[in-house]
Amino acid sequence: MAILSLPYIDYIQREQLFAYLQQEKIEYKIVDQEDDLFYNNTHYTIIIKDAGEGWYMGKCKQVPGAITQGRTIDEVKDNLKEAISLVLEAEEDLGMKRNKSKKATH
């Protein structure tokens, strides 16, 4: 089984790698990856790690405190959207200012 750490490859490279691994019937496990998350017209960079025992952990680079977990990568992404929203709402309630992330272009 191949163990993959994918923190710095882009979406196209990642998809090409997965297609190759599937074509060659190579089993793999992802231990961490960097990905893009588009939420409320804003681009966020997230990091997802294999936390073991069937769980994944995710955090957002631009929003410290937006940390979550889930059984699948998609569940982590959904949970991160909620975590980002809650952190930003709390910051707004406390009158905290934050530099805005880049607006999404798609």
N, C-alpha and C. Protein backbone atom coordinates (compact mmCIF):
# COMPACT_ATOMS: atom_id res chain seq x y z
N MET A 1 0.85 -1.18 0.00
CA MET A 1 0.00 0.00 0.00
C MET A 1 0.89 1.24 0.00
N ALA A 2 0.54 2.20 -0.86
CA ALA A 2 1.27 3.46 -0.91
C ALA A 2 0.69 4.43 0.12
N ILE A 3 1.55 5.12 0.84
CA ILE A 3 1.14 6.15 1.79
C ILE A 3 1.44 7.49 1.13
N LEU A 4 0.42 8.33 0.96
CA LEU A 4 0.59 9.59 0.24
C LEU A 4 0.44 10.78 1.17
N SER A 5 1.35 11.72 1.04
CA SER A 5 1.24 13.01 1.69
C SER A 5 1.17 14.02 0.55
N LEU A 6 0.05 14.74 0.46
CA LEU A 6 -0.19 15.60 -0.70
C LEU A 6 -0.40 17.06 -0.32
N PRO A 7 0.46 17.65 0.49
CA PRO A 7 0.15 19.01 0.93
C PRO A 7 0.33 20.09 -0.13
N TYR A 8 1.12 19.85 -1.17
CA TYR A 8 1.43 20.97 -2.06
C TYR A 8 1.22 20.69 -3.54
N ILE A 9 0.43 19.67 -3.89
CA ILE A 9 0.17 19.47 -5.31
C ILE A 9 -1.21 20.01 -5.64
N ASP A 10 -1.33 20.52 -6.86
CA ASP A 10 -2.61 21.13 -7.22
C ASP A 10 -3.64 20.07 -7.60
N TYR A 11 -4.85 20.54 -7.83
CA TYR A 11 -5.99 19.66 -8.09
C TYR A 11 -5.74 18.75 -9.30
N ILE A 12 -5.23 19.30 -10.39
CA ILE A 12 -5.01 18.52 -11.61
C ILE A 12 -3.96 17.44 -11.37
N GLN A 13 -2.85 17.80 -10.73
CA GLN A 13 -1.83 16.81 -10.42
C GLN A 13 -2.39 15.70 -9.53
N ARG A 14 -3.20 16.09 -8.56
CA ARG A 14 -3.78 15.11 -7.63
C ARG A 14 -4.70 14.15 -8.38
N GLU A 15 -5.55 14.69 -9.27
CA GLU A 15 -6.47 13.84 -10.04
C GLU A 15 -5.70 12.90 -10.97
N GLN A 16 -4.62 13.39 -11.59
CA GLN A 16 -3.79 12.54 -12.45
C GLN A 16 -3.16 11.41 -11.64
N LEU A 17 -2.69 11.73 -10.46
CA LEU A 17 -2.08 10.73 -9.60
C LEU A 17 -3.11 9.66 -9.21
N PHE A 18 -4.31 10.10 -8.79
CA PHE A 18 -5.35 9.14 -8.40
C PHE A 18 -5.75 8.26 -9.58
N ALA A 19 -5.86 8.83 -10.79
CA ALA A 19 -6.22 8.05 -11.98
C ALA A 19 -5.15 6.99 -12.26
N TYR A 20 -3.88 7.37 -12.13
CA TYR A 20 -2.79 6.41 -12.34
C TYR A 20 -2.85 5.28 -11.31
N LEU A 21 -3.03 5.64 -10.05
CA LEU A 21 -3.07 4.62 -9.00
C LEU A 21 -4.24 3.66 -9.22
N GLN A 22 -5.38 4.17 -9.63
CA GLN A 22 -6.53 3.30 -9.89
C GLN A 22 -6.30 2.43 -11.11
N GLN A 23 -5.71 3.00 -12.16
CA GLN A 23 -5.43 2.24 -13.38
C GLN A 23 -4.49 1.08 -13.08
N GLU A 24 -3.49 1.33 -12.27
CA GLU A 24 -2.50 0.31 -11.93
C GLU A 24 -2.94 -0.56 -10.75
N LYS A 25 -4.13 -0.29 -10.24
CA LYS A 25 -4.69 -1.04 -9.10
C LYS A 25 -3.76 -1.02 -7.88
N ILE A 26 -3.21 0.16 -7.62
CA ILE A 26 -2.32 0.35 -6.47
C ILE A 26 -3.16 0.89 -5.32
N GLU A 27 -3.15 0.18 -4.20
CA GLU A 27 -3.86 0.66 -3.01
C GLU A 27 -3.09 1.83 -2.43
N TYR A 28 -3.81 2.82 -1.92
CA TYR A 28 -3.15 3.98 -1.34
C TYR A 28 -3.95 4.50 -0.16
N LYS A 29 -3.24 5.25 0.67
CA LYS A 29 -3.86 5.91 1.82
C LYS A 29 -3.29 7.31 1.87
N ILE A 30 -4.16 8.31 2.00
CA ILE A 30 -3.73 9.70 2.07
C ILE A 30 -3.56 10.07 3.54
N VAL A 31 -2.39 10.57 3.90
CA VAL A 31 -2.16 10.96 5.30
C VAL A 31 -2.35 12.45 5.53
N ASP A 32 -2.13 13.27 4.53
CA ASP A 32 -2.48 14.69 4.63
C ASP A 32 -2.49 15.31 3.25
N GLN A 33 -3.31 16.33 3.10
CA GLN A 33 -3.40 17.02 1.83
C GLN A 33 -3.84 18.45 2.04
N GLU A 34 -3.36 19.32 1.15
CA GLU A 34 -3.81 20.71 1.13
C GLU A 34 -4.84 20.82 0.02
N ASP A 35 -5.89 21.56 0.26
CA ASP A 35 -6.97 21.65 -0.72
C ASP A 35 -7.56 23.05 -0.68
N ASP A 36 -8.36 23.36 -1.69
CA ASP A 36 -9.08 24.63 -1.75
C ASP A 36 -10.51 24.40 -1.32
N LEU A 37 -11.05 25.38 -0.60
CA LEU A 37 -12.45 25.34 -0.20
C LEU A 37 -13.05 26.69 -0.56
N PHE A 38 -14.12 26.67 -1.33
CA PHE A 38 -14.81 27.89 -1.71
C PHE A 38 -16.11 27.94 -0.92
N TYR A 39 -16.26 28.99 -0.12
CA TYR A 39 -17.41 29.09 0.76
C TYR A 39 -17.81 30.56 0.87
N ASN A 40 -19.07 30.85 0.64
CA ASN A 40 -19.58 32.22 0.67
C ASN A 40 -18.75 33.16 -0.21
N ASN A 41 -18.46 32.72 -1.43
CA ASN A 41 -17.70 33.50 -2.41
C ASN A 41 -16.29 33.86 -1.96
N THR A 42 -15.74 33.08 -1.05
CA THR A 42 -14.39 33.33 -0.56
C THR A 42 -13.57 32.05 -0.70
N HIS A 43 -12.30 32.21 -1.05
CA HIS A 43 -11.38 31.09 -1.20
C HIS A 43 -10.62 30.87 0.11
N TYR A 44 -10.63 29.65 0.60
CA TYR A 44 -9.88 29.27 1.79
C TYR A 44 -8.96 28.10 1.43
N THR A 45 -7.81 28.05 2.08
CA THR A 45 -6.91 26.92 1.94
C THR A 45 -7.07 26.07 3.20
N ILE A 46 -7.35 24.78 2.98
CA ILE A 46 -7.55 23.88 4.11
C ILE A 46 -6.52 22.77 4.07
N ILE A 47 -6.25 22.20 5.22
CA ILE A 47 -5.36 21.05 5.33
C ILE A 47 -6.16 19.94 6.00
N ILE A 48 -6.14 18.77 5.36
CA ILE A 48 -6.85 17.60 5.88
C ILE A 48 -5.81 16.52 6.14
N LYS A 49 -5.87 15.95 7.34
CA LYS A 49 -4.94 14.89 7.74
C LYS A 49 -5.71 13.66 8.18
N ASP A 50 -5.13 12.51 7.92
CA ASP A 50 -5.68 11.26 8.42
C ASP A 50 -5.38 11.21 9.91
N ALA A 51 -6.43 11.19 10.73
CA ALA A 51 -6.25 11.19 12.18
C ALA A 51 -6.23 9.78 12.75
N GLY A 52 -6.38 8.79 11.90
CA GLY A 52 -6.35 7.39 12.35
C GLY A 52 -7.71 6.90 12.81
N GLU A 53 -7.81 5.60 12.89
CA GLU A 53 -9.03 4.92 13.36
C GLU A 53 -10.27 5.36 12.58
N GLY A 54 -10.11 5.64 11.28
CA GLY A 54 -11.24 5.98 10.43
C GLY A 54 -11.68 7.43 10.48
N TRP A 55 -10.87 8.31 11.05
CA TRP A 55 -11.22 9.73 11.17
C TRP A 55 -10.23 10.58 10.40
N TYR A 56 -10.72 11.73 9.91
CA TYR A 56 -9.89 12.76 9.29
C TYR A 56 -10.04 14.04 10.10
N MET A 57 -8.98 14.84 10.15
CA MET A 57 -8.99 16.12 10.85
C MET A 57 -8.71 17.20 9.82
N GLY A 58 -9.43 18.33 9.93
CA GLY A 58 -9.22 19.42 8.99
C GLY A 58 -9.10 20.74 9.70
N LYS A 59 -8.31 21.65 9.09
CA LYS A 59 -8.19 23.01 9.62
C LYS A 59 -8.04 23.97 8.46
N CYS A 60 -8.35 25.22 8.73
CA CYS A 60 -8.29 26.27 7.72
C CYS A 60 -7.11 27.18 8.02
N LYS A 61 -6.25 27.40 7.02
CA LYS A 61 -5.07 28.25 7.22
C LYS A 61 -5.44 29.69 7.56
N GLN A 62 -6.45 30.24 6.91
CA GLN A 62 -6.78 31.65 7.08
C GLN A 62 -7.64 31.93 8.31
N VAL A 63 -8.24 30.89 8.89
CA VAL A 63 -9.14 31.10 10.03
C VAL A 63 -8.70 30.20 11.18
N PRO A 64 -7.69 30.65 11.96
CA PRO A 64 -7.28 29.85 13.11
C PRO A 64 -8.48 29.61 14.02
N GLY A 65 -8.60 28.42 14.50
CA GLY A 65 -9.74 28.06 15.33
C GLY A 65 -10.79 27.29 14.55
N ALA A 66 -10.75 27.35 13.23
CA ALA A 66 -11.67 26.56 12.40
C ALA A 66 -11.02 25.19 12.20
N ILE A 67 -11.28 24.31 13.14
CA ILE A 67 -10.71 22.97 13.16
C ILE A 67 -11.86 21.99 13.39
N THR A 68 -11.84 20.87 12.67
CA THR A 68 -12.92 19.91 12.81
C THR A 68 -12.45 18.52 12.46
N GLN A 69 -13.37 17.57 12.51
CA GLN A 69 -13.05 16.20 12.12
C GLN A 69 -14.25 15.59 11.41
N GLY A 70 -14.05 14.43 10.81
CA GLY A 70 -15.13 13.72 10.14
C GLY A 70 -14.66 12.35 9.72
N ARG A 71 -15.60 11.51 9.34
CA ARG A 71 -15.29 10.14 8.90
C ARG A 71 -14.82 10.09 7.45
N THR A 72 -15.17 11.12 6.66
CA THR A 72 -14.74 11.19 5.26
C THR A 72 -14.18 12.59 4.99
N ILE A 73 -13.45 12.72 3.91
CA ILE A 73 -12.91 14.03 3.53
C ILE A 73 -14.05 14.99 3.21
N ASP A 74 -15.09 14.51 2.54
CA ASP A 74 -16.24 15.38 2.24
C ASP A 74 -16.92 15.85 3.52
N GLU A 75 -17.03 14.98 4.51
CA GLU A 75 -17.63 15.38 5.79
C GLU A 75 -16.78 16.44 6.47
N VAL A 76 -15.46 16.29 6.40
CA VAL A 76 -14.56 17.30 6.98
C VAL A 76 -14.76 18.63 6.29
N LYS A 77 -14.86 18.63 4.96
CA LYS A 77 -15.06 19.88 4.22
C LYS A 77 -16.37 20.54 4.62
N ASP A 78 -17.44 19.77 4.73
CA ASP A 78 -18.73 20.33 5.17
C ASP A 78 -18.62 20.89 6.58
N ASN A 79 -17.96 20.15 7.46
CA ASN A 79 -17.79 20.61 8.84
C ASN A 79 -16.93 21.86 8.92
N LEU A 80 -15.93 21.96 8.03
CA LEU A 80 -15.07 23.15 8.01
C LEU A 80 -15.86 24.39 7.60
N LYS A 81 -16.79 24.24 6.68
CA LYS A 81 -17.63 25.39 6.30
C LYS A 81 -18.37 25.91 7.52
N GLU A 82 -18.92 25.00 8.31
CA GLU A 82 -19.63 25.40 9.51
C GLU A 82 -18.67 26.02 10.54
N ALA A 83 -17.49 25.41 10.71
CA ALA A 83 -16.52 25.93 11.67
C ALA A 83 -16.05 27.33 11.27
N ILE A 84 -15.77 27.53 9.98
CA ILE A 84 -15.35 28.85 9.50
C ILE A 84 -16.44 29.87 9.79
N SER A 85 -17.67 29.52 9.47
CA SER A 85 -18.80 30.41 9.70
C SER A 85 -18.91 30.78 11.18
N LEU A 86 -18.79 29.81 12.06
CA LEU A 86 -18.91 30.06 13.50
C LEU A 86 -17.78 30.94 14.03
N VAL A 87 -16.55 30.68 13.57
CA VAL A 87 -15.42 31.50 14.02
C VAL A 87 -15.58 32.94 13.53
N LEU A 88 -15.94 33.11 12.26
CA LEU A 88 -16.10 34.46 11.72
C LEU A 88 -17.25 35.20 12.42
N GLU A 89 -18.33 34.49 12.71
CA GLU A 89 -19.45 35.09 13.43
C GLU A 89 -19.03 35.53 14.84
N ALA A 90 -18.27 34.68 15.52
CA ALA A 90 -17.80 35.02 16.87
C ALA A 90 -16.87 36.22 16.83
N GLU A 91 -15.98 36.26 15.83
CA GLU A 91 -15.07 37.40 15.70
C GLU A 91 -15.85 38.68 15.45
N GLU A 92 -16.87 38.59 14.60
CA GLU A 92 -17.70 39.77 14.32
C GLU A 92 -18.40 40.24 15.59
N ASP A 93 -18.96 39.30 16.35
CA ASP A 93 -19.64 39.63 17.60
C ASP A 93 -18.69 40.30 18.60
N LEU A 94 -17.42 39.90 18.56
CA LEU A 94 -16.43 40.47 19.47
C LEU A 94 -15.77 41.73 18.92
N GLY A 95 -16.17 42.12 17.70
CA GLY A 95 -15.63 43.33 17.10
C GLY A 95 -14.22 43.15 16.56
N MET A 96 -13.84 41.93 16.27
CA MET A 96 -12.49 41.67 15.76
C MET A 96 -12.47 41.91 14.25
N LYS A 97 -11.36 42.43 13.75
CA LYS A 97 -11.18 42.66 12.32
C LYS A 97 -10.28 41.57 11.76
N ARG A 98 -10.55 41.17 10.54
CA ARG A 98 -9.76 40.12 9.88
C ARG A 98 -9.48 40.58 8.45
N ASN A 99 -8.28 40.27 7.96
CA ASN A 99 -7.97 40.49 6.54
C ASN A 99 -8.79 39.51 5.74
N LYS A 100 -9.48 39.98 4.75
CA LYS A 100 -10.33 39.12 3.93
C LYS A 100 -9.49 38.22 3.04
N SER A 101 -9.94 36.98 2.87
CA SER A 101 -9.33 36.07 1.91
C SER A 101 -9.71 36.51 0.51
N LYS A 102 -9.04 35.95 -0.48
CA LYS A 102 -9.35 36.29 -1.86
C LYS A 102 -10.79 35.85 -2.18
N LYS A 103 -11.47 36.69 -2.92
CA LYS A 103 -12.80 36.32 -3.37
C LYS A 103 -12.68 35.22 -4.42
N ALA A 104 -13.61 34.30 -4.39
CA ALA A 104 -13.61 33.20 -5.35
C ALA A 104 -13.84 33.74 -6.75
N THR A 105 -13.19 33.11 -7.71
CA THR A 105 -13.35 33.55 -9.09
C THR A 105 -14.27 32.64 -9.89
N HIS A 106 -14.77 31.56 -9.24
CA HIS A 106 -15.71 30.72 -9.98
C HIS A 106 -16.88 30.40 -9.14
